[in-house]
Amino acid sequence: MRIPNYRDQIKIVFFDIDETLLVKDEDYIPATVVPAIRKLKENGIVPAIATGRTLSNFPPKIKGLIEQTDMNLFVTMNGQYVSYQNEPIGKHPLSKAKIQEFVDFCDQHQIVYAQVPPTDTAVSAITDQVRDALDPLKGHYHVDKDYFKHHDVFQILAFYDATQDQFVQDSGVLKGLQSVRWHKYSVDLFDEKISKATGIACAIQHFGFAMENVMAFGDGLNDIEMLSTAGVGVAMGNAHHQLKTVADHVTLPIKEHGIEYFLKQAKLID
């Protein structure tokens, strides 16, 4: 597929983290990424991150990238929390009543869960499933089942495998929530009206941009709304097949420098 010249259209570019900017299992960022982001900025294009992670769970390599490129716009927790220059410009905490309903369900059925604010993660228990899912994120978590009673919580993680998906769905406890599986033992749960796309809409309003001015790169199922809504949605070559079907373009895989390749082909960088 021929890649058009998007130089005049695109004002801001959002990047997912895991398997888009960062090769997660091998914990490295392709060498071409930092120079490409710097060139975007030199060309007057705003680089930003849109992720399911919290700010506190950004991997060390991503924190290093942010320092090297002076990125300061972040859509986190799948759009629930948007910050610019270390200040929130959009936030959508879950209702305490909804959290209580879900927590009661999980306790009744022995499902471990985590409550996610912008800065920390509170789990109901530490199990092998929790460690398997959360330890690779290199963030801090602690046990506190009642965390939501005294703090805003923007997202819930529930720890169960795909064999329980239908049971949880049929229970009705997910009403009002969107569920996205991000790990074999865990799903993200957040307000069904909020996504990376709504977080991006909040961010670009702050800058006075339109959605047609947005380019977004992603690889996972939680990037579907983002790539569907952005002016130009780009799926990584290593992306989930479902995401590729909604993307405007599919670039090379992350390990083959797909970000730099596409930005050059689209004439956003030289």
Protein backbone atom coordinates (compact mmCIF):
# COMPACT_ATOMS: atom_id res chain seq x y z
CA MET A 1 0.00 0.00 0.00
CA ARG A 2 1.34 3.40 -0.95
CA ILE A 3 1.83 5.76 1.99
CA PRO A 4 0.68 9.33 1.26
CA ASN A 5 2.54 12.49 2.22
CA TYR A 6 0.94 13.42 5.56
CA ARG A 7 3.25 16.34 6.39
CA ASP A 8 0.59 19.06 6.09
CA GLN A 9 -2.15 17.07 7.82
CA ILE A 10 -0.50 15.66 10.94
CA LYS A 11 0.18 17.89 13.95
CA ILE A 12 0.47 15.29 16.71
CA VAL A 13 1.51 11.61 16.89
CA PHE A 14 0.51 9.21 19.67
CA PHE A 15 2.48 6.05 20.42
CA ASP A 16 1.45 3.01 22.43
CA ILE A 17 4.24 1.67 24.65
CA ASP A 18 4.43 -2.13 24.76
CA GLU A 19 5.37 -3.73 21.43
CA THR A 20 5.10 -0.34 19.71
CA LEU A 21 7.85 1.75 21.31
CA LEU A 22 9.27 -0.98 23.53
CA VAL A 23 10.08 -4.62 22.80
CA LYS A 24 8.64 -5.73 26.12
CA ASP A 25 10.10 -9.20 26.65
CA GLU A 26 13.59 -8.12 25.61
CA ASP A 27 13.29 -4.71 27.30
CA TYR A 28 14.71 -2.51 24.59
CA ILE A 29 13.63 0.38 22.40
CA PRO A 30 14.82 0.16 18.78
CA ALA A 31 17.73 2.54 18.19
CA THR A 32 15.80 4.51 15.56
CA VAL A 33 12.94 5.54 17.86
CA VAL A 34 14.55 8.36 19.86
CA PRO A 35 16.01 10.10 16.78
CA ALA A 36 12.65 9.77 14.99
CA ILE A 37 10.77 11.39 17.89
CA ARG A 38 13.33 14.17 18.10
CA LYS A 39 12.89 14.84 14.38
CA LEU A 40 9.12 15.01 14.83
CA LYS A 41 9.59 17.74 17.42
CA GLU A 42 12.06 19.58 15.20
CA ASN A 43 9.40 19.57 12.49
CA GLY A 44 6.81 21.09 14.82
CA ILE A 45 4.88 17.86 15.40
CA VAL A 46 3.92 16.95 18.97
CA PRO A 47 4.94 13.42 20.07
CA ALA A 48 2.81 11.83 22.80
CA ILE A 49 2.17 8.50 24.50
CA ALA A 50 -1.19 6.69 24.71
CA THR A 51 -1.06 3.59 26.88
CA GLY A 52 -2.98 1.29 29.16
CA ARG A 53 -0.26 1.76 31.77
CA THR A 54 -0.26 4.23 34.64
CA LEU A 55 2.41 6.91 34.78
CA SER A 56 3.99 5.09 37.71
CA ASN A 57 4.25 1.90 35.66
CA PHE A 58 6.18 3.38 32.76
CA PRO A 59 9.19 1.10 32.22
CA PRO A 60 12.66 2.54 32.91
CA LYS A 61 13.49 2.46 29.20
CA ILE A 62 10.40 4.56 28.42
CA LYS A 63 11.24 6.99 31.21
CA GLY A 64 14.65 7.33 29.59
CA LEU A 65 13.07 7.97 26.19
CA ILE A 66 10.88 10.68 27.73
CA GLU A 67 13.92 12.38 29.24
CA GLN A 68 15.83 12.19 25.97
CA THR A 69 12.98 13.62 23.90
CA ASP A 70 11.24 15.94 26.40
CA MET A 71 7.87 14.32 25.76
CA ASN A 72 5.28 15.73 28.16
CA LEU A 73 1.84 14.65 26.93
CA PHE A 74 0.50 11.32 28.18
CA VAL A 75 -2.83 9.54 27.73
CA THR A 76 -2.70 6.81 30.36
CA MET A 77 -4.90 4.01 31.71
CA ASN A 78 -6.63 3.66 28.34
CA GLY A 79 -7.76 7.28 28.35
CA GLN A 80 -8.90 7.51 31.97
CA TYR A 81 -6.14 9.98 32.90
CA VAL A 82 -4.56 12.57 30.60
CA SER A 83 -1.65 14.74 31.72
CA TYR A 84 0.37 17.53 30.11
CA GLN A 85 3.52 18.97 31.67
CA ASN A 86 2.89 16.93 34.83
CA GLU A 87 -0.62 18.33 35.34
CA PRO A 88 -3.91 16.46 34.72
CA ILE A 89 -5.98 17.88 31.87
CA GLY A 90 -8.56 15.08 31.86
CA LYS A 91 -9.53 12.39 34.37
CA HIS A 92 -12.39 9.91 34.65
CA PRO A 93 -12.37 7.90 37.90
CA LEU A 94 -14.72 4.94 38.27
CA SER A 95 -17.67 5.38 40.61
CA LYS A 96 -17.14 3.95 44.07
CA ALA A 97 -20.48 2.15 43.80
CA LYS A 98 -19.36 0.35 40.63
CA ILE A 99 -16.04 -0.60 42.18
CA GLN A 100 -17.81 -1.92 45.29
CA GLU A 101 -20.11 -4.04 43.13
CA PHE A 102 -17.19 -5.53 41.23
CA VAL A 103 -15.08 -6.07 44.34
CA ASP A 104 -17.96 -7.91 46.03
CA PHE A 105 -18.35 -10.15 42.97
CA CYS A 106 -14.64 -10.94 42.89
CA ASP A 107 -14.50 -11.71 46.59
CA GLN A 108 -17.51 -14.03 46.23
CA HIS A 109 -15.87 -15.96 43.39
CA GLN A 110 -12.26 -15.92 44.60
CA ILE A 111 -11.05 -13.65 41.80
CA VAL A 112 -8.05 -11.50 42.66
CA TYR A 113 -8.20 -7.89 41.48
CA ALA A 114 -6.21 -4.67 41.44
CA GLN A 115 -7.34 -1.07 41.79
CA VAL A 116 -5.37 1.37 39.67
CA PRO A 117 -4.92 5.08 40.44
CA PRO A 118 -2.45 7.26 38.47
CA THR A 119 0.48 6.64 40.78
CA ASP A 120 0.26 3.16 42.31
CA THR A 121 -1.50 -0.21 42.18
CA ALA A 122 -3.40 -1.81 45.06
CA VAL A 123 -4.08 -5.55 44.78
CA SER A 124 -6.47 -7.68 46.81
CA ALA A 125 -3.82 -10.39 47.21
CA ILE A 126 -0.45 -11.34 45.78
CA THR A 127 -0.64 -14.61 43.85
CA ASP A 128 1.37 -16.30 41.12
CA GLN A 129 -1.05 -14.90 38.54
CA VAL A 130 -0.57 -11.38 39.89
CA ARG A 131 3.21 -11.72 39.84
CA ASP A 132 3.16 -13.18 36.33
CA ALA A 133 1.10 -10.26 35.03
CA LEU A 134 2.45 -7.32 37.02
CA ASP A 135 6.13 -8.03 37.67
CA PRO A 136 7.15 -7.54 34.00
CA LEU A 137 5.60 -4.04 34.16
CA LYS A 138 8.29 -3.12 36.70
CA GLY A 139 5.88 -1.01 38.72
CA HIS A 140 5.13 -1.04 42.45
CA TYR A 141 2.05 -2.74 43.89
CA HIS A 142 0.84 -3.42 47.41
CA VAL A 143 -2.07 -5.18 49.12
CA ASP A 144 -5.05 -2.96 50.03
CA LYS A 145 -8.55 -4.24 49.25
CA ASP A 146 -10.19 -1.03 50.46
CA TYR A 147 -7.99 1.40 48.53
CA PHE A 148 -10.92 2.73 46.48
CA LYS A 149 -12.77 3.89 49.58
CA HIS A 150 -10.24 6.65 50.16
CA HIS A 151 -8.73 7.29 46.71
CA ASP A 152 -9.82 7.81 43.12
CA VAL A 153 -9.48 4.61 41.06
CA PHE A 154 -9.47 4.86 37.29
CA GLN A 155 -9.12 1.24 36.23
CA ILE A 156 -9.50 -2.27 37.62
CA LEU A 157 -7.42 -5.29 36.74
CA ALA A 158 -9.06 -8.67 37.26
CA PHE A 159 -6.89 -11.76 37.34
CA TYR A 160 -8.49 -14.72 35.60
CA ASP A 161 -7.74 -16.64 32.43
CA ALA A 162 -9.80 -16.87 29.26
CA THR A 163 -11.69 -19.94 30.50
CA GLN A 164 -13.59 -17.63 32.90
CA ASP A 165 -14.35 -14.86 30.40
CA GLN A 166 -17.84 -16.07 29.57
CA PHE A 167 -18.75 -16.67 33.21
CA VAL A 168 -17.80 -13.13 34.19
CA GLN A 169 -19.54 -11.69 31.12
CA ASP A 170 -22.75 -13.61 31.81
CA SER A 171 -22.81 -12.49 35.45
CA GLY A 172 -23.73 -8.93 34.46
CA VAL A 173 -21.07 -7.42 36.71
CA LEU A 174 -19.32 -5.87 33.71
CA LYS A 175 -22.28 -3.63 32.87
CA GLY A 176 -20.91 -0.15 32.20
CA LEU A 177 -17.37 -1.47 31.92
CA GLN A 178 -15.20 -2.33 28.95
CA SER A 179 -13.07 -5.44 29.31
CA VAL A 180 -9.83 -5.84 27.35
CA ARG A 181 -7.59 -8.85 27.85
CA TRP A 182 -3.97 -7.71 27.98
CA HIS A 183 -2.39 -10.80 29.58
CA LYS A 184 -3.23 -14.50 29.72
CA TYR A 185 -4.11 -14.04 33.40
CA SER A 186 -5.56 -10.53 33.42
CA VAL A 187 -8.06 -8.11 31.88
CA ASP A 188 -8.26 -4.32 32.01
CA LEU A 189 -11.64 -2.99 33.13
CA PHE A 190 -12.56 0.66 32.67
CA ASP A 191 -15.52 2.91 31.95
CA GLU A 192 -17.03 1.72 28.66
CA LYS A 193 -17.47 5.32 27.53
CA ILE A 194 -13.74 6.03 27.89
CA SER A 195 -10.87 4.76 25.73
CA LYS A 196 -7.55 5.90 24.35
CA ALA A 197 -9.59 7.65 21.66
CA THR A 198 -11.53 9.78 24.16
CA GLY A 199 -8.29 10.52 26.00
CA ILE A 200 -6.75 11.69 22.74
CA ALA A 201 -9.82 13.85 22.05
CA CYS A 202 -9.26 15.53 25.42
CA ALA A 203 -5.56 16.04 24.69
CA ILE A 204 -5.99 17.56 21.24
CA GLN A 205 -8.69 19.91 22.47
CA HIS A 206 -6.05 21.35 24.79
CA PHE A 207 -3.83 22.04 21.76
CA GLY A 208 -6.60 23.17 19.43
CA PHE A 209 -6.06 20.29 17.00
CA ALA A 210 -8.73 18.26 15.19
CA MET A 211 -8.84 14.46 15.07
CA GLU A 212 -7.79 14.57 11.41
CA ASN A 213 -4.49 16.06 12.64
CA VAL A 214 -3.76 12.94 14.71
CA MET A 215 -1.58 9.97 13.76
CA ALA A 216 -1.50 7.01 16.14
CA PHE A 217 0.66 3.88 16.32
CA GLY A 218 -0.41 0.74 18.19
CA ASP A 219 -0.33 -3.04 18.29
CA GLY A 220 -2.99 -4.35 20.68
CA LEU A 221 -6.73 -4.75 21.13
CA ASN A 222 -6.87 -1.71 23.41
CA ASP A 223 -5.66 0.35 20.43
CA ILE A 224 -8.71 -0.39 18.26
CA GLU A 225 -10.65 2.76 19.19
CA MET A 226 -7.52 4.88 18.92
CA LEU A 227 -6.57 3.72 15.44
CA SER A 228 -10.19 3.77 14.27
CA THR A 229 -10.66 7.37 15.43
CA ALA A 230 -7.31 8.97 14.60
CA GLY A 231 -6.92 10.81 11.31
CA VAL A 232 -4.26 8.23 10.44
CA GLY A 233 -4.17 4.92 12.34
CA VAL A 234 -1.02 2.83 11.95
CA ALA A 235 -0.77 -0.78 13.14
CA MET A 236 2.65 -2.23 13.78
CA GLY A 237 3.61 -5.21 11.65
CA ASN A 238 3.60 -7.28 14.85
CA ALA A 239 0.10 -6.06 15.80
CA HIS A 240 -2.91 -8.22 16.63
CA HIS A 241 -4.65 -9.22 13.39
CA GLN A 242 -7.89 -7.58 14.54
CA LEU A 243 -6.14 -4.22 14.91
CA LYS A 244 -4.69 -4.46 11.42
CA THR A 245 -8.20 -4.69 9.98
CA VAL A 246 -9.18 -1.26 11.36
CA ALA A 247 -5.88 0.52 10.71
CA ASP A 248 -5.37 2.85 7.76
CA HIS A 249 -1.87 1.45 7.32
CA VAL A 250 0.27 -1.42 8.58
CA THR A 251 3.95 -0.63 8.99
CA LEU A 252 6.92 -2.92 9.59
CA PRO A 253 7.23 -4.78 12.93
CA ILE A 254 8.80 -3.01 15.87
CA LYS A 255 12.05 -4.97 15.56
CA GLU A 256 12.32 -3.86 11.93
CA HIS A 257 12.07 -0.17 12.88
CA GLY A 258 8.44 0.19 11.84
CA ILE A 259 7.98 3.60 13.46
CA GLU A 260 10.91 5.27 11.72
CA TYR A 261 10.03 3.59 8.43
CA PHE A 262 6.46 4.85 8.42
CA LEU A 263 7.27 8.37 9.62
CA LYS A 264 9.80 8.69 6.80
CA GLN A 265 7.43 7.28 4.19
CA ALA A 266 4.71 9.67 5.38
CA LYS A 267 7.20 12.58 5.08
CA LEU A 268 6.81 13.54 8.74
CA ILE A 269 10.57 13.18 9.18
CA ASP A 270 13.45 13.17 6.72
